[in-house]
Amino acid sequence: MATVEFEAQHCELADGESVLECLERAGHSIPNSCRSGVCHSCLMRATSGDVPPAAQKGLKETQRAQGYFLSCCCYPDTDLNAARVDGDSMRIRARLLSKESLNERVLRVVLDAQDSMAYFPGQFVNFARADGLVRSFSLASVPQLDEGLEFHVALVPGGKMSGWLHHEAVPGDELDLMGPLGNCFYVAGNPEQPLLLLGTGTGLAPLYAIARDALHQGHTGPIHLFHGALVAADRYLVATLSRLSEAHANFNYHSCVRDEAGPTWVQADVDIHALNLVPSLKGWKVYLCGNPALVRQVQRKAFLAGASMQDIYADAFLPAGG
């Protein structure tokens, strides 16, 4: 009989019993609603063991790759270790290795974690200071290519975390990392599929990681990265992305500035320019990061342009806090 290990308790599955039913019988309270795999409220994560494919039906491939499953539909044949999604994040101590200005408002922050942190390029983690302040930042690094964990931090007016990182933090300072989290990352397996990456502001950070990871893993299909800014001074990593475009025939970098004309960018709203160049997204995988209003708008436009909802990945950067 298979066993589910959950929160330091071993629960033996009865015949025909789902993981959800087994844990409830053992006295655990697990969020659930439909109990048929539709609402996803009973989502859990396997930390070890094999998850039956039926328990991952309807989940994004990035969720499947991380071991997420629907406990109401999970009938394992072998032992399984399960964890709650909301309590699944690890807390790791990290120290500041370096910081570098990428433009007047954006800082490259590189951290060194005391314990190795397995992550997919493009995911995000929560920074937690000793005073309890917590803010989320996306990973711009690729573990096989970079030393340390790289983040791009925009200075938010009145922002406590961004202000501290920009003006006060020095190499050697420590904070905790919680994560990784998020489903916005590249999954190998379909190397010829076209990829469209679109973002604004520091939404470029995860897109930069995703593009480099895809190229590193041998992606051969076209990759179009569109980065939008209000004014030219908000652009960053221009030279780096231009060199990446020159080095890889299938990678195309598009810089868009809404309010200024110039010789090295297109004056346009980034979403309008992207969909003018790629009017049909049928068969494409789409990654969207940045301003939440724009992300929601482009999600809808991408779907109407033919992209499957299962192939649209989005992380919106909330301007509040900082």
Protein backbone atom coordinates (compact mmCIF):
# COMPACT_ATOMS: atom_id res chain seq x y z
CA MET A 1 0.00 0.00 0.00
CA ALA A 2 1.40 3.43 -0.96
CA THR A 3 2.09 5.99 1.73
CA VAL A 4 1.87 9.80 1.67
CA GLU A 5 4.37 11.65 3.85
CA PHE A 6 2.98 15.05 4.81
CA GLU A 7 4.08 17.46 7.55
CA ALA A 8 6.13 14.78 9.37
CA GLN A 9 3.25 12.27 9.30
CA HIS A 10 3.00 9.08 7.25
CA CYS A 11 -0.50 8.40 5.94
CA GLU A 12 -1.28 5.04 4.30
CA LEU A 13 -3.56 5.28 1.29
CA ALA A 14 -6.64 3.07 1.30
CA ASP A 15 -7.84 1.36 -1.88
CA GLY A 16 -9.23 3.90 -4.33
CA GLU A 17 -8.39 6.82 -2.06
CA SER A 18 -6.96 10.11 -3.36
CA VAL A 19 -4.18 12.00 -1.61
CA LEU A 20 -6.73 14.63 -0.59
CA GLU A 21 -9.04 12.03 0.97
CA CYS A 22 -6.15 10.29 2.71
CA LEU A 23 -4.87 13.51 4.29
CA GLU A 24 -8.36 14.56 5.36
CA ARG A 25 -8.88 11.17 6.98
CA ALA A 26 -5.61 11.71 8.85
CA GLY A 27 -6.95 14.99 10.25
CA HIS A 28 -5.29 17.51 7.95
CA SER A 29 -7.21 20.50 6.63
CA ILE A 30 -6.50 20.85 2.89
CA PRO A 31 -8.11 23.66 0.84
CA ASN A 32 -10.49 22.19 -1.73
CA SER A 33 -13.73 22.96 -3.50
CA CYS A 34 -14.77 21.01 -6.58
CA ARG A 35 -12.87 17.77 -5.77
CA SER A 36 -12.76 17.02 -9.48
CA GLY A 37 -9.62 18.79 -10.70
CA VAL A 38 -11.29 21.94 -12.00
CA CYS A 39 -10.82 24.61 -9.34
CA HIS A 40 -7.14 23.84 -8.50
CA SER A 41 -7.71 24.90 -4.89
CA CYS A 42 -6.23 21.61 -3.62
CA LEU A 43 -2.93 22.16 -5.46
CA MET A 44 0.06 20.60 -3.71
CA ARG A 45 3.67 19.86 -4.56
CA ALA A 46 5.53 16.55 -4.54
CA THR A 47 8.99 16.90 -3.01
CA SER A 48 9.80 13.28 -3.88
CA GLY A 49 8.06 10.35 -5.51
CA ASP A 50 6.24 9.89 -8.80
CA VAL A 51 3.09 11.89 -9.54
CA PRO A 52 0.52 10.15 -11.77
CA PRO A 53 -0.02 12.13 -15.01
CA ALA A 54 -3.78 12.36 -14.34
CA ALA A 55 -3.03 14.40 -11.20
CA GLN A 56 -1.33 17.07 -13.31
CA LYS A 57 -3.91 17.33 -16.07
CA GLY A 58 -4.71 20.96 -16.86
CA LEU A 59 -1.60 22.34 -15.16
CA LYS A 60 0.96 24.43 -17.03
CA GLU A 61 4.09 22.54 -18.04
CA THR A 62 6.14 24.75 -15.72
CA GLN A 63 3.96 23.64 -12.80
CA ARG A 64 4.32 20.00 -13.84
CA ALA A 65 8.09 20.43 -14.03
CA GLN A 66 8.12 21.61 -10.41
CA GLY A 67 6.09 18.65 -9.17
CA TYR A 68 2.77 20.41 -8.61
CA PHE A 69 -0.31 18.18 -8.62
CA LEU A 70 -4.03 18.22 -7.81
CA SER A 71 -4.46 16.21 -4.63
CA CYS A 72 -8.11 15.41 -5.34
CA CYS A 73 -7.10 13.59 -8.55
CA CYS A 74 -3.89 12.00 -7.27
CA TYR A 75 -3.95 8.23 -6.80
CA PRO A 76 -0.27 7.26 -6.48
CA ASP A 77 0.98 3.71 -6.85
CA THR A 78 4.20 4.42 -4.94
CA ASP A 79 5.17 6.42 -1.86
CA LEU A 80 4.89 10.18 -2.21
CA ASN A 81 6.18 13.11 -0.17
CA ALA A 82 3.78 16.06 -0.42
CA ALA A 83 3.90 19.68 0.74
CA ARG A 84 1.47 22.55 0.81
CA VAL A 85 2.05 25.09 -1.92
CA ASP A 86 1.61 28.03 0.45
CA GLY A 87 4.23 26.67 2.84
CA ASP A 88 6.60 25.28 0.30
CA SER A 89 9.07 28.14 0.06
CA MET A 90 12.45 27.71 1.66
CA ARG A 91 14.13 30.48 3.60
CA ILE A 92 17.81 30.84 2.72
CA ARG A 93 20.34 33.30 4.08
CA ALA A 94 22.14 35.30 1.40
CA ARG A 95 24.69 38.09 1.34
CA LEU A 96 25.18 40.94 -1.09
CA LEU A 97 28.11 40.30 -3.43
CA SER A 98 27.87 43.37 -5.65
CA LYS A 99 25.63 46.06 -7.04
CA GLU A 100 25.93 48.02 -10.27
CA SER A 101 23.85 50.75 -11.91
CA LEU A 102 22.26 49.65 -15.18
CA ASN A 103 20.61 53.04 -15.72
CA GLU A 104 19.59 55.96 -13.52
CA ARG A 105 16.85 53.95 -11.80
CA VAL A 106 17.78 50.27 -12.15
CA LEU A 107 20.39 48.49 -10.06
CA ARG A 108 21.91 45.08 -10.78
CA VAL A 109 22.06 43.25 -7.45
CA VAL A 110 24.06 40.02 -7.16
CA LEU A 111 23.60 37.83 -4.09
CA ASP A 112 25.38 34.74 -2.85
CA ALA A 113 23.16 32.20 -1.08
CA GLN A 114 24.73 30.27 1.78
CA ASP A 115 22.86 27.11 0.71
CA SER A 116 22.45 26.33 -2.97
CA MET A 117 19.04 27.30 -4.29
CA ALA A 118 17.64 25.31 -7.19
CA TYR A 119 15.63 27.58 -9.46
CA PHE A 120 14.44 28.03 -13.02
CA PRO A 121 15.70 31.24 -14.70
CA GLY A 122 12.85 33.76 -14.69
CA GLN A 123 11.27 32.69 -11.40
CA PHE A 124 11.08 35.17 -8.54
CA VAL A 125 12.07 35.11 -4.88
CA ASN A 126 11.07 37.17 -1.87
CA PHE A 127 13.73 39.29 -0.19
CA ALA A 128 13.17 39.33 3.59
CA ARG A 129 15.08 41.74 5.80
CA ALA A 130 15.63 41.18 9.52
CA ASP A 131 13.06 43.90 10.31
CA GLY A 132 10.34 41.87 8.57
CA LEU A 133 10.24 43.86 5.32
CA VAL A 134 9.53 41.55 2.35
CA ARG A 135 9.57 42.36 -1.38
CA SER A 136 9.57 40.17 -4.53
CA PHE A 137 12.21 40.31 -7.27
CA SER A 138 12.69 38.18 -10.40
CA LEU A 139 15.84 36.23 -11.12
CA ALA A 140 17.83 37.50 -14.09
CA SER A 141 20.55 34.88 -13.74
CA VAL A 142 21.00 31.42 -15.26
CA PRO A 143 22.67 28.93 -12.88
CA GLN A 144 24.75 27.27 -15.61
CA LEU A 145 26.02 30.63 -16.91
CA ASP A 146 26.29 32.98 -13.94
CA GLU A 147 27.92 33.11 -10.54
CA GLY A 148 25.55 34.31 -7.88
CA LEU A 149 21.89 35.24 -8.07
CA GLU A 150 21.20 38.34 -10.20
CA PHE A 151 18.26 40.71 -9.76
CA HIS A 152 17.32 44.05 -11.33
CA VAL A 153 15.94 46.46 -8.74
CA ALA A 154 14.17 49.66 -9.81
CA LEU A 155 14.27 52.56 -7.36
CA VAL A 156 10.66 53.15 -6.27
CA PRO A 157 9.89 56.61 -4.77
CA GLY A 158 9.60 56.03 -1.05
CA GLY A 159 10.37 52.33 -1.52
CA LYS A 160 11.86 50.83 1.63
CA MET A 161 13.54 47.78 0.08
CA SER A 162 14.61 49.40 -3.19
CA GLY A 163 15.82 52.51 -1.34
CA TRP A 164 17.85 50.39 1.05
CA LEU A 165 19.42 48.39 -1.78
CA HIS A 166 20.19 51.48 -3.86
CA HIS A 167 21.47 53.81 -1.14
CA GLU A 168 22.43 51.89 1.99
CA ALA A 169 23.24 48.23 1.39
CA VAL A 170 26.91 47.34 0.96
CA PRO A 171 28.63 44.09 -0.05
CA GLY A 172 28.52 41.70 2.87
CA ASP A 173 25.08 42.78 4.08
CA GLU A 174 22.73 39.84 4.62
CA LEU A 175 19.06 39.10 4.09
CA ASP A 176 16.85 36.04 3.68
CA LEU A 177 15.51 34.68 0.40
CA MET A 178 12.19 32.83 0.23
CA GLY A 179 11.44 30.83 -2.88
CA PRO A 180 11.83 30.31 -5.73
CA LEU A 181 8.26 30.94 -6.90
CA GLY A 182 6.42 31.51 -10.17
CA ASN A 183 5.80 29.67 -13.42
CA CYS A 184 7.40 32.10 -15.86
CA PHE A 185 10.38 30.10 -17.12
CA TYR A 186 11.58 28.05 -20.10
CA VAL A 187 10.90 24.31 -20.29
CA ALA A 188 12.87 22.27 -22.80
CA GLY A 189 11.18 19.74 -25.04
CA ASN A 190 9.93 21.75 -27.99
CA PRO A 191 13.08 23.47 -29.32
CA GLU A 192 11.50 24.66 -32.58
CA GLN A 193 8.53 26.46 -31.00
CA PRO A 194 8.63 30.24 -31.56
CA LEU A 195 8.94 32.31 -28.37
CA LEU A 196 7.69 35.85 -27.82
CA LEU A 197 9.02 37.63 -24.72
CA LEU A 198 7.54 41.03 -23.92
CA GLY A 199 8.11 43.26 -20.93
CA THR A 200 8.45 46.76 -19.55
CA GLY A 201 10.75 48.20 -16.90
CA THR A 202 12.51 45.58 -14.79
CA GLY A 203 10.15 43.02 -16.29
CA LEU A 204 13.17 42.64 -18.55
CA ALA A 205 15.01 40.73 -15.78
CA PRO A 206 13.12 37.42 -16.07
CA LEU A 207 12.89 37.72 -19.86
CA TYR A 208 16.66 38.18 -20.08
CA ALA A 209 17.07 35.01 -18.01
CA ILE A 210 14.51 33.03 -20.02
CA ALA A 211 16.05 34.00 -23.36
CA ARG A 212 19.58 33.06 -22.29
CA ASP A 213 18.39 29.82 -20.73
CA ALA A 214 16.52 28.84 -23.91
CA LEU A 215 19.57 29.57 -26.05
CA HIS A 216 21.83 27.70 -23.63
CA GLN A 217 19.55 24.66 -23.84
CA GLY A 218 19.76 24.69 -27.64
CA HIS A 219 16.45 26.29 -28.57
CA THR A 220 16.39 26.58 -32.36
CA GLY A 221 13.06 28.31 -32.99
CA PRO A 222 12.82 32.09 -33.30
CA ILE A 223 12.99 34.08 -30.07
CA HIS A 224 11.73 37.67 -30.13
CA LEU A 225 12.34 39.79 -27.03
CA PHE A 226 10.47 43.11 -26.91
CA HIS A 227 11.35 45.61 -24.17
CA GLY A 228 9.29 48.75 -23.74
CA ALA A 229 10.13 52.04 -22.02
CA LEU A 230 8.48 55.44 -21.71
CA VAL A 231 11.71 57.38 -22.40
CA ALA A 232 15.10 56.36 -23.74
CA ALA A 233 16.77 56.76 -20.34
CA ASP A 234 14.66 53.86 -19.02
CA ARG A 235 16.28 51.37 -21.39
CA TYR A 236 19.02 49.09 -20.07
CA LEU A 237 21.07 46.03 -21.11
CA VAL A 238 20.87 47.39 -24.66
CA ALA A 239 24.46 46.53 -25.59
CA THR A 240 24.24 43.12 -23.91
CA LEU A 241 21.05 42.15 -25.72
CA SER A 242 22.34 43.52 -29.02
CA ARG A 243 25.44 41.32 -28.70
CA LEU A 244 23.24 38.34 -27.88
CA SER A 245 21.24 39.03 -31.04
CA GLU A 246 24.44 39.18 -33.11
CA ALA A 247 25.69 35.91 -31.62
CA HIS A 248 22.46 33.93 -32.23
CA ALA A 249 20.67 34.05 -35.57
CA ASN A 250 17.36 32.98 -34.01
CA PHE A 251 17.36 35.66 -31.27
CA ASN A 252 15.89 39.08 -32.04
CA TYR A 253 15.97 42.03 -29.63
CA HIS A 254 13.47 44.86 -30.11
CA SER A 255 13.75 48.08 -28.10
CA CYS A 256 10.65 50.29 -27.99
CA VAL A 257 10.33 53.80 -26.53
CA ARG A 258 6.89 55.33 -26.37
CA ASP A 259 7.64 59.03 -25.94
CA GLU A 260 10.91 59.59 -27.83
CA ALA A 261 12.15 59.01 -31.35
CA GLY A 262 15.71 57.79 -31.79
CA PRO A 263 18.13 55.91 -34.05
CA THR A 264 18.48 52.67 -32.05
CA TRP A 265 14.89 52.00 -31.03
CA VAL A 266 11.37 52.03 -32.40
CA GLN A 267 9.07 54.79 -31.18
CA ALA A 268 5.95 52.79 -30.33
CA ASP A 269 3.99 51.12 -27.58
CA VAL A 270 5.75 47.82 -27.10
CA ASP A 271 2.63 45.65 -27.38
CA ILE A 272 1.46 47.34 -30.57
CA HIS A 273 4.87 47.02 -32.18
CA ALA A 274 5.20 43.36 -31.17
CA LEU A 275 1.81 42.35 -32.57
CA ASN A 276 2.46 44.32 -35.75
CA LEU A 277 5.62 42.29 -36.32
CA VAL A 278 4.06 39.00 -35.19
CA PRO A 279 0.33 39.30 -35.96
CA SER A 280 -0.39 35.58 -35.56
CA LEU A 281 0.73 33.82 -32.38
CA LYS A 282 -0.77 30.44 -33.16
CA GLY A 283 1.75 27.84 -31.97
CA TRP A 284 3.85 30.43 -30.13
CA LYS A 285 4.81 30.44 -26.47
CA VAL A 286 4.41 33.88 -24.89
CA TYR A 287 6.10 35.32 -21.79
CA LEU A 288 4.84 38.64 -20.35
CA CYS A 289 6.43 40.60 -17.51
CA GLY A 290 6.17 44.16 -16.22
CA ASN A 291 3.38 46.64 -15.66
CA PRO A 292 0.32 44.63 -14.49
CA ALA A 293 -2.19 46.59 -16.58
CA LEU A 294 -0.12 46.03 -19.70
CA VAL A 295 0.39 42.35 -18.88
CA ARG A 296 -3.36 41.79 -18.56
CA GLN A 297 -3.98 43.67 -21.80
CA VAL A 298 -1.36 41.72 -23.75
CA GLN A 299 -2.53 38.40 -22.31
CA ARG A 300 -5.89 39.04 -23.95
CA LYS A 301 -4.32 40.29 -27.20
CA ALA A 302 -2.01 37.26 -27.38
CA PHE A 303 -4.94 34.89 -26.91
CA LEU A 304 -6.95 36.68 -29.61
CA ALA A 305 -3.88 36.48 -31.87
CA GLY A 306 -3.97 32.68 -31.61
CA ALA A 307 -1.78 31.77 -28.62
CA SER A 308 -3.14 29.02 -26.39
CA MET A 309 -3.82 30.07 -22.80
CA GLN A 310 -1.60 27.15 -21.73
CA ASP A 311 1.25 28.80 -23.63
CA ILE A 312 0.90 32.28 -22.12
CA TYR A 313 3.03 32.84 -19.03
CA ALA A 314 2.84 36.08 -17.09
CA ASP A 315 4.39 37.70 -14.04
CA ALA A 316 3.16 41.23 -13.33
CA PHE A 317 5.33 43.64 -11.35
CA LEU A 318 3.20 45.51 -8.84
CA PRO A 319 4.30 49.14 -8.53
CA ALA A 320 3.17 49.42 -4.90
CA GLY A 321 5.69 49.04 -2.09
CA GLY A 322 9.26 48.79 -3.29
